[in-house]
N, C-alpha and C. Protein backbone atom coordinates (compact mmCIF):
# COMPACT_ATOMS: atom_id res chain seq x y z
N MET A 1 128.98 138.95 93.19
CA MET A 1 128.57 137.74 93.85
C MET A 1 129.50 137.46 95.03
N HIS A 2 128.99 136.71 95.97
CA HIS A 2 129.81 136.35 97.11
C HIS A 2 129.71 134.85 97.36
N ALA A 3 130.75 134.34 97.93
CA ALA A 3 130.79 132.90 98.22
C ALA A 3 130.00 132.63 99.50
N SER A 4 129.48 131.42 99.58
CA SER A 4 128.80 131.01 100.81
C SER A 4 129.34 129.65 101.24
N PHE A 5 129.20 129.39 102.50
CA PHE A 5 129.66 128.13 103.03
C PHE A 5 128.54 127.10 102.97
N ARG A 6 128.91 125.88 102.69
CA ARG A 6 127.93 124.81 102.51
C ARG A 6 127.04 124.65 103.73
N ARG A 7 127.60 124.61 104.93
CA ARG A 7 126.80 124.41 106.14
C ARG A 7 125.86 125.59 106.39
N ASP A 8 126.24 126.81 105.99
CA ASP A 8 125.34 127.95 106.11
C ASP A 8 124.10 127.75 105.25
N GLU A 9 124.32 127.31 104.01
CA GLU A 9 123.21 127.07 103.10
C GLU A 9 122.34 125.90 103.59
N GLU A 10 122.99 124.88 104.13
CA GLU A 10 122.23 123.74 104.66
C GLU A 10 121.41 124.16 105.88
N GLY A 11 121.94 125.08 106.67
CA GLY A 11 121.20 125.59 107.83
C GLY A 11 119.95 126.33 107.40
N LYS A 12 120.07 127.14 106.33
CA LYS A 12 118.89 127.84 105.80
C LYS A 12 117.86 126.84 105.30
N LEU A 13 118.34 125.80 104.62
CA LEU A 13 117.43 124.77 104.13
C LEU A 13 116.74 124.05 105.28
N LEU A 14 117.47 123.80 106.35
CA LEU A 14 116.88 123.13 107.51
C LEU A 14 115.74 123.95 108.11
N LEU A 15 115.90 125.28 108.18
CA LEU A 15 114.83 126.13 108.69
C LEU A 15 113.56 125.98 107.85
N CYS A 16 113.74 125.90 106.53
CA CYS A 16 112.59 125.68 105.65
C CYS A 16 111.95 124.33 105.91
N LEU A 17 112.78 123.31 106.09
CA LEU A 17 112.26 121.97 106.34
C LEU A 17 111.40 121.93 107.59
N VAL A 18 111.87 122.57 108.65
CA VAL A 18 111.15 122.56 109.91
C VAL A 18 109.84 123.34 109.78
N GLN A 19 109.86 124.45 109.04
CA GLN A 19 108.64 125.24 108.85
C GLN A 19 107.61 124.48 108.03
N TRP A 20 108.05 123.77 107.01
CA TRP A 20 107.11 123.01 106.18
C TRP A 20 106.55 121.82 106.94
N GLY A 21 107.36 121.24 107.81
CA GLY A 21 106.93 120.12 108.64
C GLY A 21 106.31 118.97 107.86
N PRO A 22 105.14 118.50 108.28
CA PRO A 22 104.53 117.32 107.65
C PRO A 22 103.89 117.58 106.29
N MET A 23 103.92 118.84 105.81
CA MET A 23 103.32 119.13 104.51
C MET A 23 104.17 118.59 103.36
N VAL A 24 105.42 118.25 103.65
CA VAL A 24 106.36 117.86 102.61
C VAL A 24 106.96 116.50 102.94
N VAL A 25 107.13 115.68 101.91
CA VAL A 25 107.88 114.43 102.04
C VAL A 25 109.18 114.63 101.29
N HIS A 26 110.29 114.52 101.98
CA HIS A 26 111.61 114.72 101.38
C HIS A 26 112.08 113.41 100.76
N ILE A 27 112.57 113.48 99.54
CA ILE A 27 112.96 112.28 98.80
C ILE A 27 114.45 112.35 98.51
N PHE A 28 115.17 111.28 98.89
CA PHE A 28 116.61 111.20 98.65
C PHE A 28 116.90 110.01 97.75
N ASP A 29 117.70 110.22 96.74
CA ASP A 29 118.14 109.12 95.90
C ASP A 29 119.35 108.49 96.57
N GLN A 30 119.69 107.28 96.14
CA GLN A 30 120.79 106.56 96.77
C GLN A 30 122.09 107.36 96.67
N GLY A 31 122.78 107.42 97.79
CA GLY A 31 124.05 108.10 97.83
C GLY A 31 123.98 109.58 98.14
N PHE A 32 122.79 110.19 98.21
CA PHE A 32 122.68 111.62 98.45
C PHE A 32 122.21 111.96 99.85
N ALA A 33 121.93 110.98 100.67
CA ALA A 33 121.50 111.25 102.05
C ALA A 33 122.57 110.71 103.00
N GLY A 34 123.29 111.62 103.60
CA GLY A 34 124.32 111.21 104.55
C GLY A 34 123.76 111.18 105.96
N ALA A 35 124.62 110.79 106.88
CA ALA A 35 124.23 110.69 108.29
C ALA A 35 123.77 112.04 108.83
N PHE A 36 124.38 113.13 108.37
CA PHE A 36 124.00 114.46 108.83
C PHE A 36 122.53 114.74 108.57
N TRP A 37 122.10 114.57 107.30
CA TRP A 37 120.71 114.87 106.94
C TRP A 37 119.73 113.87 107.54
N LEU A 38 120.08 112.61 107.53
CA LEU A 38 119.17 111.62 108.11
C LEU A 38 118.98 111.87 109.60
N GLY A 39 120.04 112.24 110.29
CA GLY A 39 119.94 112.55 111.71
C GLY A 39 119.02 113.73 111.97
N LEU A 40 119.12 114.77 111.13
CA LEU A 40 118.25 115.94 111.29
C LEU A 40 116.80 115.60 110.99
N LEU A 41 116.57 114.84 109.93
CA LEU A 41 115.19 114.46 109.59
C LEU A 41 114.56 113.65 110.71
N LEU A 42 115.32 112.74 111.29
CA LEU A 42 114.80 111.94 112.39
C LEU A 42 114.61 112.78 113.65
N ALA A 43 115.56 113.67 113.93
CA ALA A 43 115.48 114.50 115.14
C ALA A 43 114.27 115.43 115.11
N PHE A 44 113.94 115.96 113.94
CA PHE A 44 112.80 116.87 113.82
C PHE A 44 111.52 116.15 113.41
N ASP A 45 111.56 114.82 113.37
CA ASP A 45 110.40 113.99 113.05
C ASP A 45 109.77 114.39 111.72
N LEU A 46 110.63 114.57 110.69
CA LEU A 46 110.17 114.94 109.37
C LEU A 46 110.00 113.69 108.51
N ARG A 47 109.09 113.75 107.58
CA ARG A 47 108.82 112.60 106.71
C ARG A 47 109.81 112.57 105.55
N PHE A 48 110.29 111.36 105.22
CA PHE A 48 111.21 111.24 104.10
C PHE A 48 111.15 109.85 103.51
N VAL A 49 111.58 109.78 102.25
CA VAL A 49 111.72 108.52 101.53
C VAL A 49 113.16 108.45 101.08
N LEU A 50 113.78 107.32 101.32
CA LEU A 50 115.17 107.15 100.95
C LEU A 50 115.30 105.89 100.11
N ARG A 51 115.84 106.02 98.91
CA ARG A 51 116.08 104.84 98.07
C ARG A 51 117.44 104.29 98.43
N TRP A 52 117.44 103.11 99.05
CA TRP A 52 118.67 102.48 99.52
C TRP A 52 119.38 101.78 98.37
N ARG A 53 120.68 101.73 98.46
CA ARG A 53 121.45 100.89 97.54
C ARG A 53 121.17 99.45 97.89
N ALA A 54 121.28 98.56 96.94
CA ALA A 54 120.95 97.15 97.14
C ALA A 54 121.83 96.48 98.19
N ASP A 55 123.05 96.96 98.38
CA ASP A 55 123.94 96.29 99.33
C ASP A 55 123.89 96.87 100.75
N TYR A 56 123.08 97.92 100.98
CA TYR A 56 122.93 98.46 102.33
C TYR A 56 122.23 97.44 103.22
N GLN A 57 122.60 97.41 104.48
CA GLN A 57 121.96 96.48 105.41
C GLN A 57 121.24 97.25 106.51
N LEU A 58 120.10 96.71 106.92
CA LEU A 58 119.29 97.29 107.98
C LEU A 58 119.01 96.22 109.02
N LEU A 59 118.49 96.64 110.15
CA LEU A 59 118.02 95.68 111.14
C LEU A 59 116.52 95.51 110.95
N ASP A 60 116.07 94.28 110.78
CA ASP A 60 114.63 94.04 110.62
C ASP A 60 113.94 94.11 111.98
N ALA A 61 112.64 93.84 112.01
CA ALA A 61 111.86 93.96 113.25
C ALA A 61 112.38 93.03 114.35
N GLN A 62 113.01 91.91 113.98
CA GLN A 62 113.55 90.97 114.97
C GLN A 62 114.99 91.29 115.37
N GLY A 63 115.58 92.33 114.76
CA GLY A 63 116.95 92.71 115.10
C GLY A 63 118.01 92.01 114.28
N ASN A 64 117.62 91.30 113.23
CA ASN A 64 118.57 90.62 112.35
C ASN A 64 119.04 91.58 111.26
N ARG A 65 120.34 91.54 110.96
CA ARG A 65 120.91 92.37 109.91
C ARG A 65 120.62 91.71 108.55
N ARG A 66 119.94 92.47 107.67
CA ARG A 66 119.58 91.95 106.35
C ARG A 66 119.69 93.05 105.32
N LYS A 67 119.84 92.66 104.06
CA LYS A 67 119.83 93.65 102.98
C LYS A 67 118.45 94.28 102.93
N ALA A 68 118.42 95.58 102.60
CA ALA A 68 117.17 96.33 102.64
C ALA A 68 116.10 95.70 101.75
N TRP A 69 116.46 95.28 100.56
CA TRP A 69 115.46 94.73 99.65
C TRP A 69 114.89 93.41 100.16
N ARG A 70 115.67 92.67 100.94
CA ARG A 70 115.17 91.39 101.47
C ARG A 70 114.11 91.60 102.55
N ILE A 71 114.18 92.71 103.26
CA ILE A 71 113.20 92.98 104.31
C ILE A 71 111.82 93.20 103.69
N ALA A 72 111.76 93.94 102.58
CA ALA A 72 110.47 94.25 101.95
C ALA A 72 110.01 93.17 100.98
N PHE A 73 110.88 92.26 100.60
CA PHE A 73 110.55 91.24 99.62
C PHE A 73 109.39 90.37 100.08
N GLY A 74 108.35 90.25 99.24
CA GLY A 74 107.22 89.38 99.53
C GLY A 74 106.19 89.97 100.47
N LYS A 75 106.40 91.20 100.93
CA LYS A 75 105.45 91.83 101.84
C LYS A 75 104.38 92.58 101.04
N ARG A 76 103.20 92.66 101.60
CA ARG A 76 102.13 93.43 100.97
C ARG A 76 102.42 94.91 101.17
N GLY A 77 101.93 95.71 100.26
CA GLY A 77 102.13 97.15 100.36
C GLY A 77 101.32 97.74 101.50
N TRP A 78 101.75 98.90 101.98
CA TRP A 78 101.05 99.58 103.07
C TRP A 78 99.81 100.29 102.56
N SER A 79 99.82 100.72 101.32
CA SER A 79 98.65 101.38 100.75
C SER A 79 98.63 101.13 99.25
N GLU A 80 97.47 101.35 98.67
CA GLU A 80 97.31 101.15 97.23
C GLU A 80 96.88 102.46 96.62
N ARG A 81 97.46 102.80 95.49
CA ARG A 81 97.16 104.06 94.83
C ARG A 81 97.02 103.84 93.33
N THR A 82 96.27 104.70 92.71
CA THR A 82 96.20 104.72 91.25
C THR A 82 97.28 105.68 90.77
N MET A 83 98.14 105.16 89.90
CA MET A 83 99.26 105.98 89.42
C MET A 83 99.22 106.04 87.89
N TRP A 84 99.66 107.16 87.34
CA TRP A 84 99.69 107.34 85.90
C TRP A 84 101.02 106.85 85.35
N ASP A 85 100.95 105.97 84.36
CA ASP A 85 102.14 105.45 83.69
C ASP A 85 102.28 106.22 82.38
N SER A 86 103.23 107.14 82.33
CA SER A 86 103.37 108.00 81.15
C SER A 86 103.90 107.24 79.94
N ARG A 87 104.65 106.17 80.14
CA ARG A 87 105.14 105.38 79.00
C ARG A 87 104.01 104.66 78.29
N ARG A 88 103.11 104.09 79.09
CA ARG A 88 101.99 103.33 78.50
C ARG A 88 100.76 104.19 78.31
N ALA A 89 100.77 105.42 78.80
CA ALA A 89 99.65 106.34 78.71
C ALA A 89 98.38 105.74 79.29
N GLU A 90 98.51 105.17 80.48
CA GLU A 90 97.36 104.59 81.18
C GLU A 90 97.61 104.63 82.68
N SER A 91 96.54 104.55 83.43
CA SER A 91 96.70 104.50 84.88
C SER A 91 96.61 103.06 85.34
N SER A 92 97.26 102.77 86.46
CA SER A 92 97.24 101.41 87.00
C SER A 92 97.28 101.47 88.52
N GLN A 93 96.82 100.40 89.15
CA GLN A 93 96.85 100.29 90.60
C GLN A 93 98.25 99.84 91.02
N SER A 94 98.82 100.51 91.98
CA SER A 94 100.14 100.17 92.49
C SER A 94 100.12 100.18 94.01
N GLN A 95 100.94 99.32 94.60
CA GLN A 95 101.08 99.30 96.04
C GLN A 95 102.36 100.00 96.44
N CYS A 96 102.31 100.68 97.57
CA CYS A 96 103.50 101.34 98.12
C CYS A 96 104.12 100.41 99.14
N PRO A 97 105.25 99.77 98.79
CA PRO A 97 105.85 98.82 99.75
C PRO A 97 106.51 99.54 100.91
N GLY A 98 106.59 98.86 102.01
CA GLY A 98 107.25 99.42 103.16
C GLY A 98 107.45 98.35 104.21
N ALA A 99 108.40 98.56 105.08
CA ALA A 99 108.66 97.64 106.17
C ALA A 99 109.31 98.39 107.30
N ALA A 100 108.99 98.01 108.52
CA ALA A 100 109.60 98.65 109.68
C ALA A 100 111.03 98.14 109.83
N SER A 101 111.97 99.05 110.04
CA SER A 101 113.36 98.66 110.22
C SER A 101 114.11 99.79 110.91
N THR A 102 115.34 99.54 111.29
CA THR A 102 116.21 100.57 111.84
C THR A 102 117.53 100.50 111.12
N ALA A 103 118.22 101.61 111.01
CA ALA A 103 119.51 101.62 110.32
C ALA A 103 120.56 100.93 111.17
N SER A 104 121.50 100.27 110.48
CA SER A 104 122.61 99.63 111.20
C SER A 104 123.92 100.18 110.73
């Protein structure tokens, strides 16, 4: 076996991301998406979902700094989907919340 450098492996992953393009939505849990990856995703116009920590702050549409959860609070979802709830063994209608914002 041979050792590899982290940035080399990330570079290979980036090539895959660009080739897949809009066919894939990349999902990051809180704390696993740094400025490096977010910058690349934005630069290549790739789709992603990022679960923010509750104390992170964003700029809302008016340019005010607010906690991420406060921006989406009380807003209607962008789309509605039927989702399977494995705990209850039933499907239910759910809305996908979202709000326009920029990182601060």
